[in-house]
Amino acid sequence: MLRWVALVLLVLLAALQFKLWNGHGGMREVEALRRAVSRQQEENDRLRERNQALAADVEDLKHGEQAVEARARAELGLIKPGEVFYQVVEPPSTTSAPPADDGTH
């Protein structure tokens, strides 16, 4: 009789352990959810920093004439009346190829 009770308890313990590790809400699922939460927090932090930078840009553009002017110059290439615009164009890089062998040597 004691053997049967021990066997039933052992089977019950094994079933509970299986459910703990593999069942719905088990340790594997909890760990996967922790990783997902961690990834989402990193993404949220990155987006929060981006939003702060964009908010600072908006604030500069609303209240700062210099910011508008700097952006117009950099992105649109605008100049003030009386200014002269110079564009420096780099020559294309020439890679020296070895002389062709014409077979005369």
PDB file of N, CA and C in Angstrom:
ATOM      1  N   MET A   1       0.823  -1.194   0.000  1.00  0.00           N
ATOM      2  CA  MET A   1       0.000   0.000   0.000  1.00  0.00           C
ATOM      3  C   MET A   1       0.869   1.261   0.000  1.00  0.00           C
ATOM      4  N   LEU A   2       1.938   1.275   0.801  1.00  0.00           N
ATOM      5  CA  LEU A   2       2.823   2.425   0.876  1.00  0.00           C
ATOM      6  C   LEU A   2       3.544   2.645  -0.457  1.00  0.00           C
ATOM      7  N   ARG A   3       3.851   1.532  -1.147  1.00  0.00           N
ATOM      8  CA  ARG A   3       4.486   1.643  -2.457  1.00  0.00           C
ATOM      9  C   ARG A   3       3.563   2.334  -3.448  1.00  0.00           C
ATOM     10  N   TRP A   4       2.284   2.014  -3.402  1.00  0.00           N
ATOM     11  CA  TRP A   4       1.329   2.624  -4.327  1.00  0.00           C
ATOM     12  C   TRP A   4       1.191   4.124  -4.057  1.00  0.00           C
ATOM     13  N   VAL A   5       1.149   4.492  -2.813  1.00  0.00           N
ATOM     14  CA  VAL A   5       1.047   5.913  -2.455  1.00  0.00           C
ATOM     15  C   VAL A   5       2.298   6.649  -2.935  1.00  0.00           C
ATOM     16  N   ALA A   6       3.469   6.055  -2.710  1.00  0.00           N
ATOM     17  CA  ALA A   6       4.720   6.668  -3.151  1.00  0.00           C
ATOM     18  C   ALA A   6       4.752   6.775  -4.668  1.00  0.00           C
ATOM     19  N   LEU A   7       4.291   5.750  -5.360  1.00  0.00           N
ATOM     20  CA  LEU A   7       4.262   5.765  -6.822  1.00  0.00           C
ATOM     21  C   LEU A   7       3.303   6.837  -7.331  1.00  0.00           C
ATOM     22  N   VAL A   8       2.124   6.933  -6.734  1.00  0.00           N
ATOM     23  CA  VAL A   8       1.149   7.954  -7.142  1.00  0.00           C
ATOM     24  C   VAL A   8       1.719   9.348  -6.895  1.00  0.00           C
ATOM     25  N   LEU A   9       2.357   9.548  -5.741  1.00  0.00           N
ATOM     26  CA  LEU A   9       2.952  10.846  -5.445  1.00  0.00           C
ATOM     27  C   LEU A   9       4.087  11.178  -6.412  1.00  0.00           C
ATOM     28  N   LEU A  10       4.872  10.186  -6.777  1.00  0.00           N
ATOM     29  CA  LEU A  10       5.958  10.387  -7.727  1.00  0.00           C
ATOM     30  C   LEU A  10       5.419  10.761  -9.100  1.00  0.00           C
ATOM     31  N   VAL A  11       4.376  10.067  -9.543  1.00  0.00           N
ATOM     32  CA  VAL A  11       3.760  10.381 -10.840  1.00  0.00           C
ATOM     33  C   VAL A  11       3.158  11.786 -10.802  1.00  0.00           C
ATOM     34  N   LEU A  12       2.508  12.132  -9.705  1.00  0.00           N
ATOM     35  CA  LEU A  12       1.923  13.458  -9.553  1.00  0.00           C
ATOM     36  C   LEU A  12       3.007  14.536  -9.573  1.00  0.00           C
ATOM     37  N   LEU A  13       4.111  14.286  -8.887  1.00  0.00           N
ATOM     38  CA  LEU A  13       5.226  15.225  -8.887  1.00  0.00           C
ATOM     39  C   LEU A  13       5.796  15.395 -10.295  1.00  0.00           C
ATOM     40  N   ALA A  14       5.954  14.292 -11.020  1.00  0.00           N
ATOM     41  CA  ALA A  14       6.471  14.358 -12.388  1.00  0.00           C
ATOM     42  C   ALA A  14       5.520  15.157 -13.280  1.00  0.00           C
ATOM     43  N   ALA A  15       4.219  14.943 -13.133  1.00  0.00           N
ATOM     44  CA  ALA A  15       3.238  15.676 -13.937  1.00  0.00           C
ATOM     45  C   ALA A  15       3.288  17.169 -13.623  1.00  0.00           C
ATOM     46  N   LEU A  16       3.411  17.510 -12.359  1.00  0.00           N
ATOM     47  CA  LEU A  16       3.481  18.921 -11.980  1.00  0.00           C
ATOM     48  C   LEU A  16       4.769  19.572 -12.489  1.00  0.00           C
ATOM     49  N   GLN A  17       5.869  18.843 -12.417  1.00  0.00           N
ATOM     50  CA  GLN A  17       7.130  19.370 -12.937  1.00  0.00           C
ATOM     51  C   GLN A  17       7.043  19.593 -14.444  1.00  0.00           C
ATOM     52  N   PHE A  18       6.430  18.646 -15.152  1.00  0.00           N
ATOM     53  CA  PHE A  18       6.276  18.790 -16.596  1.00  0.00           C
ATOM     54  C   PHE A  18       5.458  20.037 -16.907  1.00  0.00           C
ATOM     55  N   LYS A  19       4.357  20.227 -16.186  1.00  0.00           N
ATOM     56  CA  LYS A  19       3.510  21.399 -16.410  1.00  0.00           C
ATOM     57  C   LYS A  19       4.266  22.678 -16.074  1.00  0.00           C
ATOM     58  N   LEU A  20       5.074  22.644 -15.010  1.00  0.00           N
ATOM     59  CA  LEU A  20       5.836  23.826 -14.620  1.00  0.00           C
ATOM     60  C   LEU A  20       6.807  24.242 -15.722  1.00  0.00           C
ATOM     61  N   TRP A  21       7.490  23.293 -16.318  1.00  0.00           N
ATOM     62  CA  TRP A  21       8.504  23.615 -17.306  1.00  0.00           C
ATOM     63  C   TRP A  21       7.952  23.777 -18.710  1.00  0.00           C
ATOM     64  N   ASN A  22       6.947  23.008 -19.085  1.00  0.00           N
ATOM     65  CA  ASN A  22       6.500  22.995 -20.478  1.00  0.00           C
ATOM     66  C   ASN A  22       5.076  23.482 -20.696  1.00  0.00           C
ATOM     67  N   GLY A  23       4.285  23.576 -19.672  1.00  0.00           N
ATOM     68  CA  GLY A  23       2.878  23.909 -19.839  1.00  0.00           C
ATOM     69  C   GLY A  23       2.640  25.388 -20.087  1.00  0.00           C
ATOM     70  N   HIS A  24       1.356  25.741 -20.250  1.00  0.00           N
ATOM     71  CA  HIS A  24       0.965  27.128 -20.455  1.00  0.00           C
ATOM     72  C   HIS A  24       1.347  27.937 -19.220  1.00  0.00           C
ATOM     73  N   GLY A  25       2.101  29.018 -19.430  1.00  0.00           N
ATOM     74  CA  GLY A  25       2.565  29.812 -18.302  1.00  0.00           C
ATOM     75  C   GLY A  25       3.756  29.203 -17.604  1.00  0.00           C
ATOM     76  N   GLY A  26       4.390  28.235 -18.250  1.00  0.00           N
ATOM     77  CA  GLY A  26       5.539  27.563 -17.651  1.00  0.00           C
ATOM     78  C   GLY A  26       6.800  28.400 -17.757  1.00  0.00           C
ATOM     79  N   MET A  27       7.879  27.832 -17.285  1.00  0.00           N
ATOM     80  CA  MET A  27       9.145  28.551 -17.219  1.00  0.00           C
ATOM     81  C   MET A  27       9.654  28.973 -18.599  1.00  0.00           C
ATOM     82  N   ARG A  28       9.472  28.145 -19.605  1.00  0.00           N
ATOM     83  CA  ARG A  28       9.915  28.515 -20.953  1.00  0.00           C
ATOM     84  C   ARG A  28       9.158  29.735 -21.455  1.00  0.00           C
ATOM     85  N   GLU A  29       7.868  29.720 -21.246  1.00  0.00           N
ATOM     86  CA  GLU A  29       7.046  30.842 -21.700  1.00  0.00           C
ATOM     87  C   GLU A  29       7.385  32.115 -20.924  1.00  0.00           C
ATOM     88  N   VAL A  30       7.627  31.973 -19.637  1.00  0.00           N
ATOM     89  CA  VAL A  30       7.987  33.133 -18.819  1.00  0.00           C
ATOM     90  C   VAL A  30       9.306  33.726 -19.305  1.00  0.00           C
ATOM     91  N   GLU A  31      10.269  32.883 -19.593  1.00  0.00           N
ATOM     92  CA  GLU A  31      11.565  33.374 -20.070  1.00  0.00           C
ATOM     93  C   GLU A  31      11.425  34.048 -21.431  1.00  0.00           C
ATOM     94  N   ALA A  32      10.623  33.477 -22.317  1.00  0.00           N
ATOM     95  CA  ALA A  32      10.390  34.099 -23.624  1.00  0.00           C
ATOM     96  C   ALA A  32       9.725  35.465 -23.459  1.00  0.00           C
ATOM     97  N   LEU A  33       8.792  35.563 -22.537  1.00  0.00           N
ATOM     98  CA  LEU A  33       8.129  36.845 -22.292  1.00  0.00           C
ATOM     99  C   LEU A  33       9.100  37.867 -21.702  1.00  0.00           C
ATOM    100  N   ARG A  34       9.999  37.420 -20.843  1.00  0.00           N
ATOM    101  CA  ARG A  34      11.005  38.339 -20.280  1.00  0.00           C
ATOM    102  C   ARG A  34      11.903  38.897 -21.378  1.00  0.00           C
ATOM    103  N   ARG A  35      12.313  38.025 -22.298  1.00  0.00           N
ATOM    104  CA  ARG A  35      13.146  38.491 -23.411  1.00  0.00           C
ATOM    105  C   ARG A  35      12.377  39.482 -24.277  1.00  0.00           C
ATOM    106  N   ALA A  36      11.102  39.197 -24.540  1.00  0.00           N
ATOM    107  CA  ALA A  36      10.285  40.099 -25.355  1.00  0.00           C
ATOM    108  C   ALA A  36      10.112  41.451 -24.668  1.00  0.00           C
ATOM    109  N   VAL A  37       9.899  41.436 -23.365  1.00  0.00           N
ATOM    110  CA  VAL A  37       9.755  42.692 -22.615  1.00  0.00           C
ATOM    111  C   VAL A  37      11.058  43.483 -22.661  1.00  0.00           C
ATOM    112  N   SER A  38      12.178  42.799 -22.530  1.00  0.00           N
ATOM    113  CA  SER A  38      13.476  43.466 -22.575  1.00  0.00           C
ATOM    114  C   SER A  38      13.703  44.122 -23.935  1.00  0.00           C
ATOM    115  N   ARG A  39      13.400  43.394 -25.011  1.00  0.00           N
ATOM    116  CA  ARG A  39      13.542  43.962 -26.358  1.00  0.00           C
ATOM    117  C   ARG A  39      12.625  45.171 -26.535  1.00  0.00           C
ATOM    118  N   GLN A  40      11.404  45.073 -26.040  1.00  0.00           N
ATOM    119  CA  GLN A  40      10.456  46.176 -26.176  1.00  0.00           C
ATOM    120  C   GLN A  40      10.910  47.394 -25.381  1.00  0.00           C
ATOM    121  N   GLN A  41      11.493  47.179 -24.205  1.00  0.00           N
ATOM    122  CA  GLN A  41      11.997  48.302 -23.417  1.00  0.00           C
ATOM    123  C   GLN A  41      13.149  48.997 -24.131  1.00  0.00           C
ATOM    124  N   GLU A  42      14.034  48.223 -24.762  1.00  0.00           N
ATOM    125  CA  GLU A  42      15.132  48.817 -25.522  1.00  0.00           C
ATOM    126  C   GLU A  42      14.594  49.641 -26.682  1.00  0.00           C
ATOM    127  N   GLU A  43      13.609  49.108 -27.380  1.00  0.00           N
ATOM    128  CA  GLU A  43      12.989  49.828 -28.494  1.00  0.00           C
ATOM    129  C   GLU A  43      12.317  51.107 -27.990  1.00  0.00           C
ATOM    130  N   ASN A  44      11.624  51.018 -26.865  1.00  0.00           N
ATOM    131  CA  ASN A  44      10.968  52.198 -26.293  1.00  0.00           C
ATOM    132  C   ASN A  44      11.992  53.268 -25.925  1.00  0.00           C
ATOM    133  N   ASP A  45      13.112  52.857 -25.337  1.00  0.00           N
ATOM    134  CA  ASP A  45      14.163  53.815 -24.977  1.00  0.00           C
ATOM    135  C   ASP A  45      14.715  54.504 -26.220  1.00  0.00           C
ATOM    136  N   ARG A  46      14.957  53.717 -27.266  1.00  0.00           N
ATOM    137  CA  ARG A  46      15.480  54.284 -28.513  1.00  0.00           C
ATOM    138  C   ARG A  46      14.488  55.287 -29.099  1.00  0.00           C
ATOM    139  N   LEU A  47      13.216  54.918 -29.123  1.00  0.00           N
ATOM    140  CA  LEU A  47      12.199  55.810 -29.679  1.00  0.00           C
ATOM    141  C   LEU A  47      11.992  57.045 -28.797  1.00  0.00           C
ATOM    142  N   ARG A  48      12.117  56.889 -27.491  1.00  0.00           N
ATOM    143  CA  ARG A  48      11.983  58.032 -26.583  1.00  0.00           C
ATOM    144  C   ARG A  48      13.094  59.049 -26.853  1.00  0.00           C
ATOM    145  N   GLU A  49      14.316  58.564 -27.047  1.00  0.00           N
ATOM    146  CA  GLU A  49      15.429  59.465 -27.363  1.00  0.00           C
ATOM    147  C   GLU A  49      15.198  60.171 -28.690  1.00  0.00           C
ATOM    148  N   ARG A  50      14.700  59.434 -29.673  1.00  0.00           N
ATOM    149  CA  ARG A  50      14.417  60.034 -30.984  1.00  0.00           C
ATOM    150  C   ARG A  50      13.331  61.097 -30.862  1.00  0.00           C
ATOM    151  N   ASN A  51      12.289  60.809 -30.097  1.00  0.00           N
ATOM    152  CA  ASN A  51      11.214  61.778 -29.897  1.00  0.00           C
ATOM    153  C   ASN A  51      11.734  63.045 -29.221  1.00  0.00           C
ATOM    154  N   GLN A  52      12.625  62.880 -28.244  1.00  0.00           N
ATOM    155  CA  GLN A  52      13.191  64.049 -27.573  1.00  0.00           C
ATOM    156  C   GLN A  52      14.009  64.896 -28.541  1.00  0.00           C
ATOM    157  N   ALA A  53      14.776  64.228 -29.408  1.00  0.00           N
ATOM    158  CA  ALA A  53      15.567  64.966 -30.392  1.00  0.00           C
ATOM    159  C   ALA A  53      14.656  65.702 -31.369  1.00  0.00           C
ATOM    160  N   LEU A  54      13.593  65.037 -31.816  1.00  0.00           N
ATOM    161  CA  LEU A  54      12.658  65.685 -32.734  1.00  0.00           C
ATOM    162  C   LEU A  54      11.927  66.839 -32.059  1.00  0.00           C
ATOM    163  N   ALA A  55      11.563  66.669 -30.800  1.00  0.00           N
ATOM    164  CA  ALA A  55      10.896  67.754 -30.068  1.00  0.00           C
ATOM    165  C   ALA A  55      11.828  68.953 -29.931  1.00  0.00           C
ATOM    166  N   ALA A  56      13.107  68.701 -29.701  1.00  0.00           N
ATOM    167  CA  ALA A  56      14.076  69.795 -29.615  1.00  0.00           C
ATOM    168  C   ALA A  56      14.197  70.500 -30.961  1.00  0.00           C
ATOM    169  N   ASP A  57      14.202  69.737 -32.059  1.00  0.00           N
ATOM    170  CA  ASP A  57      14.241  70.339 -33.397  1.00  0.00           C
ATOM    171  C   ASP A  57      13.015  71.208 -33.638  1.00  0.00           C
ATOM    172  N   VAL A  58      11.851  70.705 -33.279  1.00  0.00           N
ATOM    173  CA  VAL A  58      10.613  71.467 -33.468  1.00  0.00           C
ATOM    174  C   VAL A  58      10.667  72.756 -32.657  1.00  0.00           C
ATOM    175  N   GLU A  59      11.129  72.657 -31.428  1.00  0.00           N
ATOM    176  CA  GLU A  59      11.222  73.849 -30.570  1.00  0.00           C
ATOM    177  C   GLU A  59      12.185  74.865 -31.168  1.00  0.00           C
ATOM    178  N   ASP A  60      13.325  74.398 -31.674  1.00  0.00           N
ATOM    179  CA  ASP A  60      14.283  75.306 -32.317  1.00  0.00           C
ATOM    180  C   ASP A  60      13.665  75.980 -33.532  1.00  0.00           C
ATOM    181  N   LEU A  61      12.949  75.201 -34.343  1.00  0.00           N
ATOM    182  CA  LEU A  61      12.359  75.766 -35.554  1.00  0.00           C
ATOM    183  C   LEU A  61      11.235  76.744 -35.228  1.00  0.00           C
ATOM    184  N   LYS A  62      10.518  76.521 -34.142  1.00  0.00           N
ATOM    185  CA  LYS A  62       9.434  77.433 -33.762  1.00  0.00           C
ATOM    186  C   LYS A  62       9.972  78.762 -33.246  1.00  0.00           C
ATOM    187  N   HIS A  63      11.039  78.709 -32.473  1.00  0.00           N
ATOM    188  CA  HIS A  63      11.473  79.903 -31.754  1.00  0.00           C
ATOM    189  C   HIS A  63      12.815  80.460 -32.223  1.00  0.00           C
ATOM    190  N   GLY A  64      13.510  79.745 -33.031  1.00  0.00           N
ATOM    191  CA  GLY A  64      14.836  80.217 -33.408  1.00  0.00           C
ATOM    192  C   GLY A  64      14.940  80.465 -34.899  1.00  0.00           C
ATOM    193  N   GLU A  65      15.161  81.724 -35.260  1.00  0.00           N
ATOM    194  CA  GLU A  65      15.319  82.060 -36.673  1.00  0.00           C
ATOM    195  C   GLU A  65      16.607  81.460 -37.223  1.00  0.00           C
ATOM    196  N   GLN A  66      17.610  81.360 -36.375  1.00  0.00           N
ATOM    197  CA  GLN A  66      18.887  80.805 -36.820  1.00  0.00           C
ATOM    198  C   GLN A  66      18.751  79.336 -37.201  1.00  0.00           C
ATOM    199  N   ALA A  67      17.923  78.600 -36.482  1.00  0.00           N
ATOM    200  CA  ALA A  67      17.743  77.185 -36.800  1.00  0.00           C
ATOM    201  C   ALA A  67      17.075  77.024 -38.155  1.00  0.00           C
ATOM    202  N   VAL A  68      16.084  77.872 -38.442  1.00  0.00           N
ATOM    203  CA  VAL A  68      15.406  77.815 -39.741  1.00  0.00           C
ATOM    204  C   VAL A  68      16.389  78.158 -40.844  1.00  0.00           C
ATOM    205  N   GLU A  69      17.191  79.199 -40.612  1.00  0.00           N
ATOM    206  CA  GLU A  69      18.164  79.611 -41.617  1.00  0.00           C
ATOM    207  C   GLU A  69      19.205  78.516 -41.857  1.00  0.00           C
ATOM    208  N   ALA A  70      19.692  77.911 -40.788  1.00  0.00           N
ATOM    209  CA  ALA A  70      20.704  76.857 -40.925  1.00  0.00           C
ATOM    210  C   ALA A  70      20.151  75.667 -41.692  1.00  0.00           C
ATOM    211  N   ARG A  71      18.917  75.302 -41.399  1.00  0.00           N
ATOM    212  CA  ARG A  71      18.316  74.172 -42.103  1.00  0.00           C
ATOM    213  C   ARG A  71      18.092  74.509 -43.579  1.00  0.00           C
ATOM    214  N   ALA A  72      17.646  75.726 -43.872  1.00  0.00           N
ATOM    215  CA  ALA A  72      17.428  76.135 -45.266  1.00  0.00           C
ATOM    216  C   ALA A  72      18.741  76.129 -46.037  1.00  0.00           C
ATOM    217  N   ARG A  73      19.800  76.570 -45.394  1.00  0.00           N
ATOM    218  CA  ARG A  73      21.103  76.577 -46.071  1.00  0.00           C
ATOM    219  C   ARG A  73      21.620  75.154 -46.304  1.00  0.00           C
ATOM    220  N   ALA A  74      21.511  74.318 -45.287  1.00  0.00           N
ATOM    221  CA  ALA A  74      22.085  72.972 -45.374  1.00  0.00           C
ATOM    222  C   ALA A  74      21.282  72.062 -46.289  1.00  0.00           C
ATOM    223  N   GLU A  75      19.955  72.090 -46.146  1.00  0.00           N
ATOM    224  CA  GLU A  75      19.139  71.119 -46.874  1.00  0.00           C
ATOM    225  C   GLU A  75      18.684  71.617 -48.239  1.00  0.00           C
ATOM    226  N   LEU A  76      18.467  72.925 -48.363  1.00  0.00           N
ATOM    227  CA  LEU A  76      17.929  73.452 -49.614  1.00  0.00           C
ATOM    228  C   LEU A  76      18.953  74.231 -50.421  1.00  0.00           C
ATOM    229  N   GLY A  77      20.108  74.498 -49.831  1.00  0.00           N
ATOM    230  CA  GLY A  77      21.151  75.227 -50.541  1.00  0.00           C
ATOM    231  C   GLY A  77      20.819  76.694 -50.750  1.00  0.00           C
ATOM    232  N   LEU A  78      19.973  77.270 -49.909  1.00  0.00           N
ATOM    233  CA  LEU A  78      19.586  78.668 -50.060  1.00  0.00           C
ATOM    234  C   LEU A  78      20.701  79.588 -49.579  1.00  0.00           C
ATOM    235  N   ILE A  79      20.763  80.786 -50.191  1.00  0.00           N
ATOM    236  CA  ILE A  79      21.736  81.796 -49.795  1.00  0.00           C
ATOM    237  C   ILE A  79      21.008  83.116 -49.604  1.00  0.00           C
ATOM    238  N   LYS A  80      21.652  84.034 -48.885  1.00  0.00           N
ATOM    239  CA  LYS A  80      21.080  85.362 -48.663  1.00  0.00           C
ATOM    240  C   LYS A  80      21.366  86.241 -49.874  1.00  0.00           C
ATOM    241  N   PRO A  81      20.554  87.273 -50.065  1.00  0.00           N
ATOM    242  CA  PRO A  81      20.841  88.212 -51.161  1.00  0.00           C
ATOM    243  C   PRO A  81      22.227  88.829 -50.970  1.00  0.00           C
ATOM    244  N   GLY A  82      22.972  88.889 -52.049  1.00  0.00           N
ATOM    245  CA  GLY A  82      24.307  89.461 -52.004  1.00  0.00           C
ATOM    246  C   GLY A  82      25.396  88.446 -51.708  1.00  0.00           C
ATOM    247  N   GLU A  83      25.038  87.247 -51.300  1.00  0.00           N
ATOM    248  CA  GLU A  83      26.049  86.220 -51.048  1.00  0.00           C
ATOM    249  C   GLU A  83      26.387  85.514 -52.356  1.00  0.00           C
ATOM    250  N   VAL A  84      27.562  84.962 -52.406  1.00  0.00           N
ATOM    251  CA  VAL A  84      27.987  84.192 -53.573  1.00  0.00           C
ATOM    252  C   VAL A  84      28.155  82.749 -53.122  1.00  0.00           C
ATOM    253  N   PHE A  85      27.593  81.851 -53.895  1.00  0.00           N
ATOM    254  CA  PHE A  85      27.648  80.431 -53.562  1.00  0.00           C
ATOM    255  C   PHE A  85      28.751  79.783 -54.378  1.00  0.00           C
ATOM    256  N   TYR A  86      29.635  79.107 -53.707  1.00  0.00           N
ATOM    257  CA  TYR A  86      30.702  78.361 -54.369  1.00  0.00           C
ATOM    258  C   TYR A  86      30.500  76.885 -54.075  1.00  0.00           C
ATOM    259  N   GLN A  87      30.538  76.099 -55.123  1.00  0.00           N
ATOM    260  CA  GLN A  87      30.428  74.653 -54.947  1.00  0.00           C
ATOM    261  C   GLN A  87      31.732  74.031 -55.408  1.00  0.00           C
ATOM    262  N   VAL A  88      32.366  73.329 -54.519  1.00  0.00           N
ATOM    263  CA  VAL A  88      33.633  72.679 -54.831  1.00  0.00           C
ATOM    264  C   VAL A  88      33.328  71.245 -55.215  1.00  0.00           C
ATOM    265  N   VAL A  89      33.729  70.898 -56.426  1.00  0.00           N
ATOM    266  CA  VAL A  89      33.482  69.547 -56.928  1.00  0.00           C
ATOM    267  C   VAL A  89      34.811  68.812 -56.965  1.00  0.00           C
ATOM    268  N   GLU A  90      34.867  67.698 -56.273  1.00  0.00           N
ATOM    269  CA  GLU A  90      36.073  66.877 -56.259  1.00  0.00           C
ATOM    270  C   GLU A  90      36.197  66.168 -57.605  1.00  0.00           C
ATOM    271  N   PRO A  91      37.400  66.138 -58.171  1.00  0.00           N
ATOM    272  CA  PRO A  91      37.556  65.382 -59.420  1.00  0.00           C
ATOM    273  C   PRO A  91      37.390  63.893 -59.141  1.00  0.00           C
ATOM    274  N   PRO A  92      36.883  63.166 -60.114  1.00  0.00           N
ATOM    275  CA  PRO A  92      36.723  61.722 -59.886  1.00  0.00           C
ATOM    276  C   PRO A  92      38.084  61.085 -59.646  1.00  0.00           C
ATOM    277  N   SER A  93      38.126  60.150 -58.739  1.00  0.00           N
ATOM    278  CA  SER A  93      39.401  59.511 -58.419  1.00  0.00           C
ATOM    279  C   SER A  93      39.828  58.644 -59.590  1.00  0.00           C
ATOM    280  N   THR A  94      41.075  58.799 -59.962  1.00  0.00           N
ATOM    281  CA  THR A  94      41.612  57.999 -61.066  1.00  0.00           C
ATOM    282  C   THR A  94      42.533  56.959 -60.475  1.00  0.00           C
ATOM    283  N   THR A  95      42.212  55.729 -60.719  1.00  0.00           N
ATOM    284  CA  THR A  95      43.078  54.649 -60.258  1.00  0.00           C
ATOM    285  C   THR A  95      43.997  54.300 -61.407  1.00  0.00           C
ATOM    286  N   SER A  96      45.278  54.315 -61.134  1.00  0.00           N
ATOM    287  CA  SER A  96      46.227  54.046 -62.209  1.00  0.00           C
ATOM    288  C   SER A  96      46.267  52.554 -62.489  1.00  0.00           C
ATOM    289  N   ALA A  97      45.897  52.219 -63.698  1.00  0.00           N
ATOM    290  CA  ALA A  97      45.926  50.821 -64.126  1.00  0.00           C
ATOM    291  C   ALA A  97      47.325  50.516 -64.645  1.00  0.00           C
ATOM    292  N   PRO A  98      47.797  49.301 -64.472  1.00  0.00           N
ATOM    293  CA  PRO A  98      49.119  48.959 -65.017  1.00  0.00           C
ATOM    294  C   PRO A  98      49.090  49.064 -66.538  1.00  0.00           C
ATOM    295  N   PRO A  99      50.215  49.445 -67.134  1.00  0.00           N
ATOM    296  CA  PRO A  99      50.236  49.587 -68.600  1.00  0.00           C
ATOM    297  C   PRO A  99      49.909  48.258 -69.277  1.00  0.00           C
ATOM    298  N   ALA A 100      49.194  48.385 -70.371  1.00  0.00           N
ATOM    299  CA  ALA A 100      48.787  47.182 -71.099  1.00  0.00           C
ATOM    300  C   ALA A 100      50.005  46.559 -71.769  1.00  0.00           C
ATOM    301  N   ASP A 101      50.082  45.265 -71.737  1.00  0.00           N
ATOM    302  CA  ASP A 101      51.188  44.541 -72.358  1.00  0.00           C
ATOM    303  C   ASP A 101      50.834  44.317 -73.821  1.00  0.00           C
ATOM    304  N   ASP A 102      51.571  44.993 -74.724  1.00  0.00           N
ATOM    305  CA  ASP A 102      51.258  44.856 -76.149  1.00  0.00           C
ATOM    306  C   ASP A 102      52.103  43.787 -76.831  1.00  0.00           C
ATOM    307  N   GLY A 103      52.919  43.102 -76.066  1.00  0.00           N
ATOM    308  CA  GLY A 103      53.683  41.976 -76.599  1.00  0.00           C
ATOM    309  C   GLY A 103      54.957  42.373 -77.309  1.00  0.00           C
ATOM    310  N   THR A 104      55.419  43.645 -77.217  1.00  0.00           N
ATOM    311  CA  THR A 104      56.636  44.068 -77.902  1.00  0.00           C
ATOM    312  C   THR A 104      57.885  43.798 -77.084  1.00  0.00           C
ATOM    313  N   HIS A 105      57.782  43.446 -75.865  1.00  0.00           N
ATOM    314  CA  HIS A 105      58.966  43.216 -75.026  1.00  0.00           C
ATOM    315  C   HIS A 105      59.405  41.813 -75.091  1.00  0.00           C
TER     316      HIS A 105
END
